[in-house]
């Protein structure tokens, strides 16, 4: 796995990007990239994590951690039922 794109750095201000572990911090990385990521960053996210892993995150965390309209948008895109 590669490191987080430098363009996502503003959304991880409380972290040292060199210390982020893509497995251990997957929930935070998925959350912030789905919410704030641009097209290239979203593409990167889907190369790092599987579609089922991202869909599982949506099912478990999105209602509390992903604001609208992002929650609804990603549920439609990933075909995740509410």
Protein backbone atom coordinates (compact mmCIF):
# COMPACT_ATOMS: atom_id res chain seq x y z
CA UNK A 1 0.00 0.00 0.00
CA UNK A 2 1.18 3.49 -0.77
CA UNK A 3 0.94 6.50 1.50
CA UNK A 4 -1.92 8.98 1.61
CA UNK A 5 -1.84 11.48 -1.27
CA UNK A 6 -0.35 14.78 -0.18
CA UNK A 7 -3.46 16.51 -1.49
CA UNK A 8 -5.45 14.87 1.35
CA UNK A 9 -3.09 16.27 4.00
CA UNK A 10 -5.37 19.20 4.96
CA UNK A 11 -7.97 16.66 6.11
CA UNK A 12 -5.53 14.89 8.43
CA UNK A 13 -4.08 17.88 10.26
CA UNK A 14 -3.97 16.12 13.61
CA UNK A 15 -1.84 13.30 12.16
CA UNK A 16 1.75 13.03 11.07
CA UNK A 17 1.19 11.68 7.55
CA UNK A 18 4.42 9.71 7.72
CA UNK A 19 3.03 7.84 10.74
CA UNK A 20 -0.40 6.95 9.35
CA UNK A 21 -0.84 3.24 8.90
CA UNK A 22 -3.23 2.52 6.04
CA UNK A 23 -4.59 -0.60 7.76
CA UNK A 24 -4.81 0.67 11.33
CA UNK A 25 -6.28 4.03 10.29
CA UNK A 26 -8.49 2.68 7.49
CA UNK A 27 -11.75 3.90 9.06
CA UNK A 28 -10.52 7.48 9.28
CA UNK A 29 -8.96 7.40 5.83
CA UNK A 30 -12.14 6.04 4.25
CA UNK A 31 -14.32 8.56 6.09
CA UNK A 32 -12.32 11.63 5.16
CA UNK A 33 -11.65 10.60 1.59
CA UNK A 34 -15.32 9.84 0.90
CA UNK A 35 -16.29 13.18 2.41
CA UNK A 36 -13.56 15.48 1.09
CA UNK A 37 -11.76 13.64 -1.70
CA UNK A 38 -11.60 14.79 -5.28
CA UNK A 39 -11.78 12.41 -8.24
CA UNK A 40 -8.09 11.43 -8.10
CA UNK A 41 -8.20 10.91 -4.32
CA UNK A 42 -11.35 8.77 -4.58
CA UNK A 43 -9.62 6.70 -7.26
CA UNK A 44 -6.64 6.26 -4.91
CA UNK A 45 -9.01 5.17 -2.10
CA UNK A 46 -10.49 2.43 -4.27
CA UNK A 47 -7.02 1.18 -5.19
CA UNK A 48 -6.10 0.90 -1.51
CA UNK A 49 -9.29 -0.63 -0.13
CA UNK A 50 -11.70 -3.06 -1.71
CA UNK A 51 -15.20 -2.04 -2.68
CA UNK A 52 -16.64 -4.50 -0.09
CA UNK A 53 -14.43 -2.98 2.63
CA UNK A 54 -15.62 0.53 1.79
CA UNK A 55 -19.25 -0.65 1.60
CA UNK A 56 -18.85 -2.32 5.02
CA UNK A 57 -17.55 0.98 6.41
CA UNK A 58 -20.64 2.73 5.01
CA UNK A 59 -22.94 0.23 6.66
CA UNK A 60 -21.22 0.47 10.03
CA UNK A 61 -20.18 4.12 10.34
CA UNK A 62 -21.71 6.36 7.68
CA UNK A 63 -24.96 7.22 9.49
CA UNK A 64 -22.99 8.85 12.32
CA UNK A 65 -19.79 9.94 10.61
CA UNK A 66 -20.61 10.88 7.03
CA UNK A 67 -22.86 13.91 6.57
CA UNK A 68 -25.54 14.29 3.96
CA UNK A 69 -25.51 14.36 1.00
CA UNK A 70 -22.27 12.30 1.07
CA UNK A 71 -23.91 9.44 2.96
CA UNK A 72 -26.74 9.06 0.46
CA UNK A 73 -24.47 9.56 -2.56
CA UNK A 74 -22.04 6.79 -1.55
CA UNK A 75 -24.84 4.43 -0.55
CA UNK A 76 -26.29 4.80 -4.06
CA UNK A 77 -22.91 4.44 -5.78
CA UNK A 78 -21.92 1.37 -3.75
CA UNK A 79 -25.45 -0.06 -3.68
CA UNK A 80 -25.56 -0.17 0.12
CA UNK A 81 -29.01 -0.28 1.69
CA UNK A 82 -29.73 2.14 4.51
